[in-house]
Amino acid sequence: MESPCGLSHKWTRGHQLVWIFGEVLSGTVVNFRSHPLVTSPTQEDTTTNAPEPSAESTRPGGFLADTVQELKLVVWPSRQQLFSESIAVILMVSLSAATIAAVSRFFGWASSQVFR
């Protein structure tokens, strides 16, 4: 299918929805029933690529074995990365709390001045 801008590529459902949403925001009247990008789901859209559960994962101990296997794939942060990102989170939370407290105090003061 050719895109409205003349480029030829495969349109995914996300591309279609973003393009239609952009038309709606720009004030273009969109007739959703006859719009060329609104189609019924295809076989490709409805099929799932989920693998069938193996015999090992259906056993009671299979879940634990699968969990351990997945945890081996996790890329754990280094000590330095963990420390620096923790500091960044603590600083941002502190800054956000201070900002909210300042705004709250300001509005408290302003309302006390108005409603004397």
Protein backbone atom coordinates (compact mmCIF):
# COMPACT_ATOMS: atom_id res chain seq x y z
CA MET A 1 0.00 0.00 0.00
CA GLU A 2 1.25 3.47 -0.78
CA SER A 3 1.34 6.00 2.01
CA PRO A 4 -0.40 9.37 1.66
CA CYS A 5 2.96 11.09 1.20
CA GLY A 6 3.80 8.88 -1.79
CA LEU A 7 6.21 6.51 -0.06
CA SER A 8 5.71 2.82 -0.57
CA HIS A 9 6.14 0.68 2.53
CA LYS A 10 4.23 -1.77 4.66
CA TRP A 11 1.72 -0.03 6.90
CA THR A 12 1.33 -1.47 10.36
CA ARG A 13 -1.73 -0.95 12.51
CA GLY A 14 0.25 1.58 14.61
CA HIS A 15 1.18 3.63 11.53
CA GLN A 16 -2.46 3.69 10.49
CA LEU A 17 -3.73 4.85 13.86
CA VAL A 18 -1.07 7.55 14.21
CA TRP A 19 -1.79 8.85 10.71
CA ILE A 20 -5.56 8.89 11.29
CA PHE A 21 -5.07 10.56 14.69
CA GLY A 22 -2.94 13.22 12.99
CA GLU A 23 -5.69 13.84 10.45
CA VAL A 24 -8.27 14.21 13.20
CA LEU A 25 -6.05 16.66 15.13
CA SER A 26 -5.43 18.73 12.03
CA GLY A 27 -9.17 19.14 11.52
CA THR A 28 -9.45 16.88 8.49
CA VAL A 29 -12.76 15.06 8.41
CA VAL A 30 -12.09 11.34 8.43
CA ASN A 31 -14.78 8.91 7.31
CA PHE A 32 -13.61 5.85 9.21
CA ARG A 33 -15.88 3.45 7.33
CA SER A 34 -14.44 4.28 3.91
CA HIS A 35 -10.94 5.37 4.93
CA PRO A 36 -8.33 3.47 2.88
CA LEU A 37 -6.14 2.73 5.89
CA VAL A 38 -8.89 1.28 8.08
CA THR A 39 -9.19 -2.37 7.21
CA SER A 40 -10.34 -5.50 8.92
CA PRO A 41 -7.64 -7.60 10.60
CA THR A 42 -5.64 -9.85 8.32
CA GLN A 43 -4.46 -13.36 9.05
CA GLU A 44 -1.07 -11.87 9.93
CA ASP A 45 -2.68 -9.59 12.53
CA THR A 46 -4.64 -12.35 14.21
CA THR A 47 -2.07 -15.12 14.41
CA THR A 48 0.06 -15.35 17.51
CA ASN A 49 3.69 -16.31 17.45
CA ALA A 50 3.69 -17.55 21.04
CA PRO A 51 5.58 -20.80 21.38
CA GLU A 52 3.75 -23.81 22.68
CA PRO A 53 4.57 -24.55 26.32
CA SER A 54 7.16 -27.26 26.58
CA ALA A 55 6.63 -30.33 28.70
CA GLU A 56 9.24 -29.01 31.12
CA SER A 57 7.40 -25.73 31.74
CA THR A 58 4.10 -27.49 32.44
CA ARG A 59 5.63 -29.51 35.27
CA PRO A 60 5.39 -28.03 38.77
CA GLY A 61 9.17 -27.47 38.94
CA GLY A 62 9.30 -26.23 35.34
CA PHE A 63 8.23 -22.72 36.27
CA LEU A 64 11.09 -22.38 38.74
CA ALA A 65 13.58 -23.78 36.22
CA ASP A 66 12.31 -21.35 33.55
CA THR A 67 12.58 -18.47 36.02
CA VAL A 68 16.18 -19.32 36.87
CA GLN A 69 16.96 -19.64 33.15
CA GLU A 70 15.47 -16.18 32.47
CA LEU A 71 17.40 -14.66 35.39
CA LYS A 72 20.62 -15.90 33.81
CA LEU A 73 19.80 -13.76 30.75
CA VAL A 74 19.41 -10.56 32.78
CA VAL A 75 22.22 -8.04 32.35
CA TRP A 76 22.85 -6.87 35.89
CA PRO A 77 24.26 -3.35 36.40
CA SER A 78 27.77 -2.84 37.69
CA ARG A 79 28.28 -1.46 41.20
CA GLN A 80 29.26 1.96 39.80
CA GLN A 81 26.23 2.08 37.49
CA LEU A 82 23.91 1.03 40.32
CA PHE A 83 25.35 3.70 42.62
CA SER A 84 25.17 6.53 40.06
CA GLU A 85 21.63 5.69 38.94
CA SER A 86 20.46 5.38 42.55
CA ILE A 87 21.88 8.83 43.31
CA ALA A 88 20.13 10.23 40.22
CA VAL A 89 16.80 8.75 41.33
CA ILE A 90 17.18 10.06 44.89
CA LEU A 91 18.05 13.54 43.58
CA MET A 92 15.11 13.64 41.17
CA VAL A 93 12.64 12.45 43.82
CA SER A 94 14.00 15.06 46.26
CA LEU A 95 13.77 17.80 43.64
CA SER A 96 10.21 16.78 42.75
CA ALA A 97 9.19 16.71 46.43
CA ALA A 98 10.73 20.15 47.02
CA THR A 99 8.96 21.57 43.97
CA ILE A 100 5.59 20.16 45.03
CA ALA A 101 6.12 21.48 48.59
CA ALA A 102 7.03 24.96 47.28
CA VAL A 103 4.00 25.10 45.00
CA SER A 104 1.76 23.88 47.83
CA ARG A 105 3.11 26.52 50.22
CA PHE A 106 2.67 29.22 47.59
CA PHE A 107 -0.96 28.29 46.95
CA GLY A 108 -1.56 28.04 50.70
CA TRP A 109 -0.16 31.51 51.18
CA ALA A 110 -2.10 32.88 48.19
CA SER A 111 -5.39 31.41 49.40
CA SER A 112 -4.81 32.84 52.89
CA GLN A 113 -4.33 36.28 51.32
CA VAL A 114 -7.47 35.99 49.20
CA PHE A 115 -9.77 34.49 51.84
CA ARG A 116 -8.93 36.71 54.85
